[in-house]
Amino acid sequence: MNSSICRRTALALLACLLALMSLPFIAITLVSLTIPATTEVRPWERQSLEKIEAFAQHELASRGSLPSGQEVAEWMRQMDKLGSNFDGSGYTYSIDKFPAKVRSEFGEPPKNSFVIGWWNGDSDVVFASWQKDRSVAAIGSSSYVLGSRLGDLLLWSSFSLAFFGNALIVLRRAMTSVETTNPSVKGAACAKAQAAPYVER
Protein backbone atom coordinates (compact mmCIF):
# COMPACT_ATOMS: atom_id res chain seq x y z
CA MET A 1 0.00 0.00 0.00
CA ASN A 2 2.85 2.37 0.85
CA SER A 3 4.48 1.78 -2.53
CA SER A 4 1.18 2.58 -4.24
CA ILE A 5 0.91 5.87 -2.35
CA CYS A 6 4.51 6.76 -3.22
CA ARG A 7 3.89 5.98 -6.89
CA ARG A 8 0.73 8.05 -6.90
CA THR A 9 2.50 10.97 -5.22
CA ALA A 10 5.41 10.78 -7.66
CA LEU A 11 3.07 10.80 -10.65
CA ALA A 12 1.14 13.74 -9.22
CA LEU A 13 4.36 15.70 -8.69
CA LEU A 14 5.46 14.88 -12.25
CA ALA A 15 2.12 16.09 -13.57
CA CYS A 16 2.54 19.38 -11.67
CA LEU A 17 6.06 19.76 -13.03
CA LEU A 18 4.92 19.22 -16.62
CA ALA A 19 2.09 21.71 -16.13
CA LEU A 20 4.54 24.30 -14.78
CA MET A 21 6.88 23.67 -17.73
CA SER A 22 4.04 24.47 -20.10
CA LEU A 23 3.48 27.92 -18.57
CA PRO A 24 6.48 29.68 -20.20
CA PHE A 25 5.43 28.40 -23.64
CA ILE A 26 1.85 29.53 -23.03
CA ALA A 27 3.20 32.97 -22.07
CA ILE A 28 5.39 33.15 -25.20
CA THR A 29 2.40 32.14 -27.33
CA LEU A 30 0.36 34.98 -25.86
CA VAL A 31 3.23 37.42 -26.43
CA SER A 32 3.46 36.29 -30.07
CA LEU A 33 -0.19 37.20 -30.49
CA THR A 34 0.55 40.77 -29.40
CA ILE A 35 3.36 41.36 -31.93
CA PRO A 36 1.81 43.57 -34.66
CA ALA A 37 2.40 43.07 -38.37
CA THR A 38 3.45 46.70 -38.80
CA THR A 39 4.81 49.50 -36.68
CA GLU A 40 4.51 53.27 -36.95
CA VAL A 41 7.35 55.13 -38.61
CA ARG A 42 8.72 57.74 -36.22
CA PRO A 43 9.33 61.34 -37.33
CA TRP A 44 13.14 61.05 -37.41
CA GLU A 45 12.87 57.76 -39.28
CA ARG A 46 10.54 59.41 -41.78
CA GLN A 47 13.21 62.07 -42.44
CA SER A 48 15.80 59.39 -43.20
CA LEU A 49 13.37 57.50 -45.44
CA GLU A 50 12.53 60.63 -47.38
CA LYS A 51 16.23 61.34 -47.99
CA ILE A 52 16.85 57.80 -49.28
CA GLU A 53 13.72 57.87 -51.43
CA ALA A 54 14.65 61.27 -52.86
CA PHE A 55 18.13 60.06 -53.78
CA ALA A 56 16.78 56.87 -55.39
CA GLN A 57 14.13 58.74 -57.38
CA HIS A 58 16.68 61.37 -58.47
CA GLU A 59 18.99 58.67 -59.82
CA LEU A 60 16.05 56.95 -61.55
CA ALA A 61 15.02 60.21 -63.23
CA SER A 62 18.54 61.19 -64.25
CA ARG A 63 19.81 57.88 -65.61
CA GLY A 64 16.72 55.74 -66.08
CA SER A 65 17.48 53.15 -63.40
CA LEU A 66 17.50 52.90 -59.64
CA PRO A 67 20.86 53.02 -57.85
CA SER A 68 22.30 49.74 -56.61
CA GLY A 69 22.55 48.81 -52.96
CA GLN A 70 26.28 49.51 -53.03
CA GLU A 71 25.75 52.98 -54.51
CA VAL A 72 23.17 53.88 -51.88
CA ALA A 73 25.42 52.53 -49.12
CA GLU A 74 28.25 54.78 -50.36
CA TRP A 75 25.88 57.75 -50.56
CA MET A 76 24.73 57.12 -46.97
CA ARG A 77 28.34 57.06 -45.77
CA GLN A 78 28.91 60.43 -47.39
CA MET A 79 25.71 61.78 -45.85
CA ASP A 80 26.75 60.56 -42.40
CA LYS A 81 29.87 62.68 -42.70
CA LEU A 82 27.57 65.68 -43.20
CA GLY A 83 25.54 64.94 -40.05
CA SER A 84 23.06 62.21 -40.99
CA ASN A 85 22.73 59.05 -38.92
CA PHE A 86 22.08 56.28 -41.43
CA ASP A 87 24.79 54.03 -40.05
CA GLY A 88 23.60 54.44 -36.46
CA SER A 89 20.25 52.84 -37.27
CA GLY A 90 21.70 50.36 -39.74
CA TYR A 91 19.73 51.50 -42.79
CA THR A 92 19.83 49.15 -45.77
CA TYR A 93 18.48 49.44 -49.29
CA SER A 94 17.67 46.78 -51.86
CA ILE A 95 16.15 46.68 -55.34
CA ASP A 96 16.12 42.91 -55.80
CA LYS A 97 15.53 41.33 -52.39
CA PHE A 98 11.94 41.77 -51.30
CA PRO A 99 11.13 39.76 -48.15
CA ALA A 100 8.07 37.51 -48.25
CA LYS A 101 6.73 39.38 -45.22
CA VAL A 102 6.75 42.64 -47.21
CA ARG A 103 5.07 41.01 -50.23
CA SER A 104 2.29 39.57 -48.07
CA GLU A 105 1.77 42.87 -46.25
CA PHE A 106 1.98 45.34 -49.16
CA GLY A 107 1.49 43.21 -52.27
CA GLU A 108 3.77 42.42 -55.18
CA PRO A 109 6.30 45.15 -56.10
CA PRO A 110 5.83 46.99 -59.41
CA LYS A 111 8.70 47.98 -61.68
CA ASN A 112 11.43 50.21 -60.19
CA SER A 113 10.59 49.31 -56.61
CA PHE A 114 12.91 49.12 -53.62
CA VAL A 115 12.80 48.39 -49.92
CA ILE A 116 14.51 50.17 -47.05
CA GLY A 117 15.25 48.37 -43.81
CA TRP A 118 16.58 49.52 -40.45
CA TRP A 119 16.63 48.77 -36.72
CA ASN A 120 14.16 50.90 -34.75
CA GLY A 121 15.44 49.95 -31.31
CA ASP A 122 12.87 47.17 -30.79
CA SER A 123 13.01 45.12 -33.98
CA ASP A 124 14.12 45.27 -37.57
CA VAL A 125 11.55 46.89 -39.84
CA VAL A 126 11.13 47.20 -43.60
CA PHE A 127 9.60 50.01 -45.65
CA ALA A 128 8.46 49.33 -49.23
CA SER A 129 8.51 52.06 -51.85
CA TRP A 130 5.18 50.87 -53.28
CA GLN A 131 3.16 50.65 -50.05
CA LYS A 132 0.10 52.91 -49.88
CA ASP A 133 0.27 53.71 -46.17
CA ARG A 134 3.48 55.73 -45.84
CA SER A 135 3.21 56.01 -42.05
CA VAL A 136 4.01 52.37 -41.21
CA ALA A 137 6.71 49.79 -41.81
CA ALA A 138 6.49 46.01 -41.70
CA ILE A 139 8.01 44.12 -38.77
CA GLY A 140 10.95 42.14 -40.13
CA SER A 141 11.17 38.34 -40.06
CA SER A 142 14.10 38.35 -37.62
CA SER A 143 11.65 39.37 -34.90
CA TYR A 144 10.23 35.84 -35.09
CA VAL A 145 11.97 32.55 -34.32
CA LEU A 146 10.61 30.83 -37.43
CA GLY A 147 10.49 33.97 -39.54
CA SER A 148 6.75 34.62 -39.30
CA ARG A 149 4.04 35.25 -36.74
CA LEU A 150 2.09 32.14 -37.79
CA GLY A 151 5.18 29.95 -37.57
CA ASP A 152 5.94 31.15 -34.06
CA LEU A 153 2.34 30.63 -32.93
CA LEU A 154 2.42 27.05 -34.19
CA LEU A 155 5.78 26.40 -32.56
CA TRP A 156 5.03 27.74 -29.08
CA SER A 157 1.46 26.43 -28.98
CA SER A 158 2.77 22.97 -29.91
CA PHE A 159 5.19 23.02 -26.98
CA SER A 160 2.42 24.24 -24.68
CA LEU A 161 0.01 21.52 -25.74
CA ALA A 162 2.71 18.84 -25.52
CA PHE A 163 3.67 19.64 -21.93
CA PHE A 164 0.13 20.32 -20.72
CA GLY A 165 -1.26 17.25 -22.49
CA ASN A 166 1.39 15.02 -20.92
CA ALA A 167 0.61 16.58 -17.54
CA LEU A 168 -3.03 15.53 -17.89
CA ILE A 169 -2.05 12.01 -18.95
CA VAL A 170 0.32 11.58 -16.00
CA LEU A 171 -2.26 13.01 -13.60
CA ARG A 172 -4.85 10.52 -14.85
CA ARG A 173 -2.40 7.68 -14.27
CA ALA A 174 -1.79 8.97 -10.77
CA MET A 175 -5.52 8.94 -10.04
CA THR A 176 -5.90 5.33 -11.19
CA SER A 177 -2.61 3.98 -9.85
CA VAL A 178 -4.11 2.64 -6.61
CA GLU A 179 -6.37 0.15 -8.34
CA THR A 180 -3.81 -0.89 -10.96
CA THR A 181 -0.89 -1.34 -8.59
CA ASN A 182 -2.79 -2.86 -5.63
CA PRO A 183 -5.25 -5.49 -6.93
CA SER A 184 -5.68 -6.87 -3.39
CA VAL A 185 -8.08 -4.00 -2.67
CA LYS A 186 -10.38 -5.07 -5.47
CA GLY A 187 -9.95 -8.76 -4.50
CA ALA A 188 -10.90 -8.04 -0.89
CA ALA A 189 -14.02 -6.26 -2.04
CA CYS A 190 -15.03 -9.24 -4.18
CA ALA A 191 -14.39 -11.69 -1.36
CA LYS A 192 -16.51 -9.62 1.01
CA ALA A 193 -19.35 -9.60 -1.49
CA GLN A 194 -19.18 -13.36 -1.92
CA ALA A 195 -19.16 -13.97 1.86
CA ALA A 196 -22.36 -11.98 2.41
CA PRO A 197 -25.38 -14.20 3.13
CA TYR A 198 -27.85 -14.70 0.32
CA VAL A 199 -31.32 -13.50 1.15
CA GLU A 200 -34.14 -14.90 -0.94
CA ARG A 201 -36.84 -12.46 -1.92
C-alpha atoms as a PDB file:
ATOM      1  CA  MET A   1       0.000   0.000   0.000  1.00  0.00           C
ATOM      2  CA  ASN A   2       2.854   2.374   0.848  1.00  0.00           C
ATOM      3  CA  SER A   3       4.484   1.782  -2.530  1.00  0.00           C
ATOM      4  CA  SER A   4       1.183   2.585  -4.239  1.00  0.00           C
ATOM      5  CA  ILE A   5       0.910   5.867  -2.352  1.00  0.00           C
ATOM      6  CA  CYS A   6       4.509   6.762  -3.225  1.00  0.00           C
ATOM      7  CA  ARG A   7       3.889   5.981  -6.891  1.00  0.00           C
ATOM      8  CA  ARG A   8       0.729   8.046  -6.905  1.00  0.00           C
ATOM      9  CA  THR A   9       2.499  10.973  -5.216  1.00  0.00           C
ATOM     10  CA  ALA A  10       5.408  10.781  -7.659  1.00  0.00           C
ATOM     11  CA  LEU A  11       3.073  10.802 -10.647  1.00  0.00           C
ATOM     12  CA  ALA A  12       1.139  13.741  -9.215  1.00  0.00           C
ATOM     13  CA  LEU A  13       4.358  15.705  -8.695  1.00  0.00           C
ATOM     14  CA  LEU A  14       5.462  14.885 -12.247  1.00  0.00           C
ATOM     15  CA  ALA A  15       2.116  16.093 -13.572  1.00  0.00           C
ATOM     16  CA  CYS A  16       2.537  19.384 -11.666  1.00  0.00           C
ATOM     17  CA  LEU A  17       6.062  19.763 -13.030  1.00  0.00           C
ATOM     18  CA  LEU A  18       4.918  19.224 -16.618  1.00  0.00           C
ATOM     19  CA  ALA A  19       2.087  21.712 -16.125  1.00  0.00           C
ATOM     20  CA  LEU A  20       4.545  24.297 -14.782  1.00  0.00           C
ATOM     21  CA  MET A  21       6.883  23.671 -17.726  1.00  0.00           C
ATOM     22  CA  SER A  22       4.036  24.470 -20.104  1.00  0.00           C
ATOM     23  CA  LEU A  23       3.477  27.921 -18.568  1.00  0.00           C
ATOM     24  CA  PRO A  24       6.478  29.676 -20.205  1.00  0.00           C
ATOM     25  CA  PHE A  25       5.429  28.401 -23.640  1.00  0.00           C
ATOM     26  CA  ILE A  26       1.848  29.530 -23.031  1.00  0.00           C
ATOM     27  CA  ALA A  27       3.200  32.972 -22.069  1.00  0.00           C
ATOM     28  CA  ILE A  28       5.386  33.145 -25.197  1.00  0.00           C
ATOM     29  CA  THR A  29       2.404  32.143 -27.334  1.00  0.00           C
ATOM     30  CA  LEU A  30       0.357  34.981 -25.856  1.00  0.00           C
ATOM     31  CA  VAL A  31       3.225  37.422 -26.432  1.00  0.00           C
ATOM     32  CA  SER A  32       3.463  36.286 -30.067  1.00  0.00           C
ATOM     33  CA  LEU A  33      -0.186  37.202 -30.495  1.00  0.00           C
ATOM     34  CA  THR A  34       0.550  40.766 -29.401  1.00  0.00           C
ATOM     35  CA  ILE A  35       3.355  41.363 -31.935  1.00  0.00           C
ATOM     36  CA  PRO A  36       1.809  43.570 -34.656  1.00  0.00           C
ATOM     37  CA  ALA A  37       2.404  43.069 -38.371  1.00  0.00           C
ATOM     38  CA  THR A  38       3.448  46.696 -38.800  1.00  0.00           C
ATOM     39  CA  THR A  39       4.811  49.503 -36.677  1.00  0.00           C
ATOM     40  CA  GLU A  40       4.511  53.272 -36.946  1.00  0.00           C
ATOM     41  CA  VAL A  41       7.351  55.129 -38.614  1.00  0.00           C
ATOM     42  CA  ARG A  42       8.721  57.735 -36.219  1.00  0.00           C
ATOM     43  CA  PRO A  43       9.334  61.337 -37.329  1.00  0.00           C
ATOM     44  CA  TRP A  44      13.140  61.051 -37.413  1.00  0.00           C
ATOM     45  CA  GLU A  45      12.867  57.756 -39.281  1.00  0.00           C
ATOM     46  CA  ARG A  46      10.543  59.415 -41.778  1.00  0.00           C
ATOM     47  CA  GLN A  47      13.211  62.067 -42.437  1.00  0.00           C
ATOM     48  CA  SER A  48      15.800  59.387 -43.203  1.00  0.00           C
ATOM     49  CA  LEU A  49      13.367  57.500 -45.445  1.00  0.00           C
ATOM     50  CA  GLU A  50      12.529  60.631 -47.377  1.00  0.00           C
ATOM     51  CA  LYS A  51      16.228  61.339 -47.986  1.00  0.00           C
ATOM     52  CA  ILE A  52      16.855  57.803 -49.278  1.00  0.00           C
ATOM     53  CA  GLU A  53      13.718  57.872 -51.428  1.00  0.00           C
ATOM     54  CA  ALA A  54      14.645  61.269 -52.864  1.00  0.00           C
ATOM     55  CA  PHE A  55      18.131  60.058 -53.780  1.00  0.00           C
ATOM     56  CA  ALA A  56      16.779  56.870 -55.386  1.00  0.00           C
ATOM     57  CA  GLN A  57      14.128  58.743 -57.383  1.00  0.00           C
ATOM     58  CA  HIS A  58      16.680  61.371 -58.475  1.00  0.00           C
ATOM     59  CA  GLU A  59      18.986  58.666 -59.820  1.00  0.00           C
ATOM     60  CA  LEU A  60      16.055  56.954 -61.551  1.00  0.00           C
ATOM     61  CA  ALA A  61      15.016  60.215 -63.232  1.00  0.00           C
ATOM     62  CA  SER A  62      18.541  61.190 -64.254  1.00  0.00           C
ATOM     63  CA  ARG A  63      19.815  57.877 -65.612  1.00  0.00           C
ATOM     64  CA  GLY A  64      16.716  55.741 -66.080  1.00  0.00           C
ATOM     65  CA  SER A  65      17.475  53.147 -63.402  1.00  0.00           C
ATOM     66  CA  LEU A  66      17.502  52.897 -59.638  1.00  0.00           C
ATOM     67  CA  PRO A  67      20.864  53.021 -57.846  1.00  0.00           C
ATOM     68  CA  SER A  68      22.303  49.743 -56.609  1.00  0.00           C
ATOM     69  CA  GLY A  69      22.554  48.812 -52.957  1.00  0.00           C
ATOM     70  CA  GLN A  70      26.276  49.508 -53.027  1.00  0.00           C
ATOM     71  CA  GLU A  71      25.751  52.978 -54.506  1.00  0.00           C
ATOM     72  CA  VAL A  72      23.175  53.882 -51.876  1.00  0.00           C
ATOM     73  CA  ALA A  73      25.422  52.531 -49.115  1.00  0.00           C
ATOM     74  CA  GLU A  74      28.248  54.781 -50.356  1.00  0.00           C
ATOM     75  CA  TRP A  75      25.877  57.751 -50.560  1.00  0.00           C
ATOM     76  CA  MET A  76      24.727  57.123 -46.975  1.00  0.00           C
ATOM     77  CA  ARG A  77      28.339  57.055 -45.768  1.00  0.00           C
ATOM     78  CA  GLN A  78      28.914  60.431 -47.394  1.00  0.00           C
ATOM     79  CA  MET A  79      25.707  61.781 -45.851  1.00  0.00           C
ATOM     80  CA  ASP A  80      26.753  60.562 -42.398  1.00  0.00           C
ATOM     81  CA  LYS A  81      29.868  62.684 -42.696  1.00  0.00           C
ATOM     82  CA  LEU A  82      27.566  65.681 -43.196  1.00  0.00           C
ATOM     83  CA  GLY A  83      25.543  64.939 -40.051  1.00  0.00           C
ATOM     84  CA  SER A  84      23.059  62.208 -40.986  1.00  0.00           C
ATOM     85  CA  ASN A  85      22.733  59.050 -38.920  1.00  0.00           C
ATOM     86  CA  PHE A  86      22.079  56.279 -41.425  1.00  0.00           C
ATOM     87  CA  ASP A  87      24.795  54.030 -40.048  1.00  0.00           C
ATOM     88  CA  GLY A  88      23.602  54.441 -36.460  1.00  0.00           C
ATOM     89  CA  SER A  89      20.254  52.842 -37.267  1.00  0.00           C
ATOM     90  CA  GLY A  90      21.696  50.356 -39.736  1.00  0.00           C
ATOM     91  CA  TYR A  91      19.732  51.497 -42.792  1.00  0.00           C
ATOM     92  CA  THR A  92      19.835  49.151 -45.770  1.00  0.00           C
ATOM     93  CA  TYR A  93      18.481  49.438 -49.295  1.00  0.00           C
ATOM     94  CA  SER A  94      17.668  46.782 -51.860  1.00  0.00           C
ATOM     95  CA  ILE A  95      16.153  46.676 -55.345  1.00  0.00           C
ATOM     96  CA  ASP A  96      16.120  42.905 -55.804  1.00  0.00           C
ATOM     97  CA  LYS A  97      15.532  41.330 -52.385  1.00  0.00           C
ATOM     98  CA  PHE A  98      11.938  41.771 -51.301  1.00  0.00           C
ATOM     99  CA  PRO A  99      11.126  39.755 -48.146  1.00  0.00           C
ATOM    100  CA  ALA A 100       8.070  37.505 -48.247  1.00  0.00           C
ATOM    101  CA  LYS A 101       6.728  39.382 -45.218  1.00  0.00           C
ATOM    102  CA  VAL A 102       6.752  42.638 -47.213  1.00  0.00           C
ATOM    103  CA  ARG A 103       5.072  41.010 -50.226  1.00  0.00           C
ATOM    104  CA  SER A 104       2.295  39.567 -48.071  1.00  0.00           C
ATOM    105  CA  GLU A 105       1.769  42.868 -46.251  1.00  0.00           C
ATOM    106  CA  PHE A 106       1.984  45.336 -49.157  1.00  0.00           C
ATOM    107  CA  GLY A 107       1.486  43.213 -52.269  1.00  0.00           C
ATOM    108  CA  GLU A 108       3.768  42.420 -55.180  1.00  0.00           C
ATOM    109  CA  PRO A 109       6.304  45.148 -56.103  1.00  0.00           C
ATOM    110  CA  PRO A 110       5.835  46.989 -59.407  1.00  0.00           C
ATOM    111  CA  LYS A 111       8.701  47.977 -61.680  1.00  0.00           C
ATOM    112  CA  ASN A 112      11.429  50.214 -60.193  1.00  0.00           C
ATOM    113  CA  SER A 113      10.591  49.311 -56.608  1.00  0.00           C
ATOM    114  CA  PHE A 114      12.908  49.117 -53.624  1.00  0.00           C
ATOM    115  CA  VAL A 115      12.800  48.389 -49.923  1.00  0.00           C
ATOM    116  CA  ILE A 116      14.511  50.165 -47.046  1.00  0.00           C
ATOM    117  CA  GLY A 117      15.251  48.367 -43.812  1.00  0.00           C
ATOM    118  CA  TRP A 118      16.584  49.522 -40.448  1.00  0.00           C
ATOM    119  CA  TRP A 119      16.631  48.770 -36.723  1.00  0.00           C
ATOM    120  CA  ASN A 120      14.155  50.902 -34.754  1.00  0.00           C
ATOM    121  CA  GLY A 121      15.439  49.952 -31.307  1.00  0.00           C
ATOM    122  CA  ASP A 122      12.873  47.174 -30.789  1.00  0.00           C
ATOM    123  CA  SER A 123      13.006  45.124 -33.982  1.00  0.00           C
ATOM    124  CA  ASP A 124      14.117  45.265 -37.569  1.00  0.00           C
ATOM    125  CA  VAL A 125      11.553  46.885 -39.843  1.00  0.00           C
ATOM    126  CA  VAL A 126      11.133  47.198 -43.603  1.00  0.00           C
ATOM    127  CA  PHE A 127       9.599  50.009 -45.654  1.00  0.00           C
ATOM    128  CA  ALA A 128       8.458  49.326 -49.229  1.00  0.00           C
ATOM    129  CA  SER A 129       8.514  52.064 -51.854  1.00  0.00           C
ATOM    130  CA  TRP A 130       5.175  50.870 -53.284  1.00  0.00           C
ATOM    131  CA  GLN A 131       3.164  50.654 -50.053  1.00  0.00           C
ATOM    132  CA  LYS A 132       0.105  52.907 -49.878  1.00  0.00           C
ATOM    133  CA  ASP A 133       0.272  53.713 -46.175  1.00  0.00           C
ATOM    134  CA  ARG A 134       3.476  55.731 -45.839  1.00  0.00           C
ATOM    135  CA  SER A 135       3.208  56.014 -42.053  1.00  0.00           C
ATOM    136  CA  VAL A 136       4.011  52.374 -41.206  1.00  0.00           C
ATOM    137  CA  ALA A 137       6.715  49.794 -41.807  1.00  0.00           C
ATOM    138  CA  ALA A 138       6.493  46.008 -41.703  1.00  0.00           C
ATOM    139  CA  ILE A 139       8.009  44.122 -38.767  1.00  0.00           C
ATOM    140  CA  GLY A 140      10.945  42.136 -40.126  1.00  0.00           C
ATOM    141  CA  SER A 141      11.172  38.337 -40.059  1.00  0.00           C
ATOM    142  CA  SER A 142      14.101  38.352 -37.618  1.00  0.00           C
ATOM    143  CA  SER A 143      11.648  39.370 -34.899  1.00  0.00           C
ATOM    144  CA  TYR A 144      10.225  35.838 -35.095  1.00  0.00           C
ATOM    145  CA  VAL A 145      11.974  32.548 -34.316  1.00  0.00           C
ATOM    146  CA  LEU A 146      10.606  30.831 -37.434  1.00  0.00           C
ATOM    147  CA  GLY A 147      10.490  33.973 -39.539  1.00  0.00           C
ATOM    148  CA  SER A 148       6.754  34.619 -39.301  1.00  0.00           C
ATOM    149  CA  ARG A 149       4.042  35.247 -36.742  1.00  0.00           C
ATOM    150  CA  LEU A 150       2.089  32.140 -37.791  1.00  0.00           C
ATOM    151  CA  GLY A 151       5.178  29.951 -37.566  1.00  0.00           C
ATOM    152  CA  ASP A 152       5.935  31.154 -34.056  1.00  0.00           C
ATOM    153  CA  LEU A 153       2.344  30.625 -32.932  1.00  0.00           C
ATOM    154  CA  LEU A 154       2.415  27.047 -34.192  1.00  0.00           C
ATOM    155  CA  LEU A 155       5.783  26.395 -32.556  1.00  0.00           C
ATOM    156  CA  TRP A 156       5.028  27.740 -29.083  1.00  0.00           C
ATOM    157  CA  SER A 157       1.464  26.431 -28.981  1.00  0.00           C
ATOM    158  CA  SER A 158       2.766  22.967 -29.913  1.00  0.00           C
ATOM    159  CA  PHE A 159       5.185  23.016 -26.984  1.00  0.00           C
ATOM    160  CA  SER A 160       2.419  24.245 -24.677  1.00  0.00           C
ATOM    161  CA  LEU A 161       0.012  21.518 -25.744  1.00  0.00           C
ATOM    162  CA  ALA A 162       2.707  18.838 -25.519  1.00  0.00           C
ATOM    163  CA  PHE A 163       3.667  19.644 -21.926  1.00  0.00           C
ATOM    164  CA  PHE A 164       0.128  20.318 -20.722  1.00  0.00           C
ATOM    165  CA  GLY A 165      -1.256  17.249 -22.489  1.00  0.00           C
ATOM    166  CA  ASN A 166       1.388  15.025 -20.920  1.00  0.00           C
ATOM    167  CA  ALA A 167       0.610  16.576 -17.541  1.00  0.00           C
ATOM    168  CA  LEU A 168      -3.035  15.530 -17.895  1.00  0.00           C
ATOM    169  CA  ILE A 169      -2.048  12.010 -18.949  1.00  0.00           C
ATOM    170  CA  VAL A 170       0.321  11.582 -16.005  1.00  0.00           C
ATOM    171  CA  LEU A 171      -2.263  13.009 -13.599  1.00  0.00           C
ATOM    172  CA  ARG A 172      -4.845  10.517 -14.846  1.00  0.00           C
ATOM    173  CA  ARG A 173      -2.398   7.679 -14.271  1.00  0.00           C
ATOM    174  CA  ALA A 174      -1.792   8.966 -10.769  1.00  0.00           C
ATOM    175  CA  MET A 175      -5.522   8.939 -10.038  1.00  0.00           C
ATOM    176  CA  THR A 176      -5.896   5.331 -11.187  1.00  0.00           C
ATOM    177  CA  SER A 177      -2.608   3.983  -9.847  1.00  0.00           C
ATOM    178  CA  VAL A 178      -4.110   2.644  -6.615  1.00  0.00           C
ATOM    179  CA  GLU A 179      -6.370   0.153  -8.344  1.00  0.00           C
ATOM    180  CA  THR A 180      -3.812  -0.888 -10.964  1.00  0.00           C
ATOM    181  CA  THR A 181      -0.889  -1.335  -8.587  1.00  0.00           C
ATOM    182  CA  ASN A 182      -2.790  -2.861  -5.627  1.00  0.00           C
ATOM    183  CA  PRO A 183      -5.246  -5.492  -6.926  1.00  0.00           C
ATOM    184  CA  SER A 184      -5.681  -6.870  -3.394  1.00  0.00           C
ATOM    185  CA  VAL A 185      -8.078  -3.998  -2.672  1.00  0.00           C
ATOM    186  CA  LYS A 186     -10.377  -5.074  -5.472  1.00  0.00           C
ATOM    187  CA  GLY A 187      -9.948  -8.763  -4.498  1.00  0.00           C
ATOM    188  CA  ALA A 188     -10.901  -8.044  -0.895  1.00  0.00           C
ATOM    189  CA  ALA A 189     -14.019  -6.258  -2.037  1.00  0.00           C
ATOM    190  CA  CYS A 190     -15.032  -9.244  -4.182  1.00  0.00           C
ATOM    191  CA  ALA A 191     -14.393 -11.689  -1.361  1.00  0.00           C
ATOM    192  CA  LYS A 192     -16.510  -9.621   1.012  1.00  0.00           C
ATOM    193  CA  ALA A 193     -19.352  -9.602  -1.487  1.00  0.00           C
ATOM    194  CA  GLN A 194     -19.180 -13.365  -1.920  1.00  0.00           C
ATOM    195  CA  ALA A 195     -19.161 -13.967   1.856  1.00  0.00           C
ATOM    196  CA  ALA A 196     -22.356 -11.985   2.406  1.00  0.00           C
ATOM    197  CA  PRO A 197     -25.384 -14.201   3.132  1.00  0.00           C
ATOM    198  CA  TYR A 198     -27.846 -14.698   0.323  1.00  0.00           C
ATOM    199  CA  VAL A 199     -31.325 -13.496   1.147  1.00  0.00           C
ATOM    200  CA  GLU A 200     -34.138 -14.903  -0.940  1.00  0.00           C
ATOM    201  CA  ARG A 201     -36.836 -12.459  -1.919  1.00  0.00           C
END
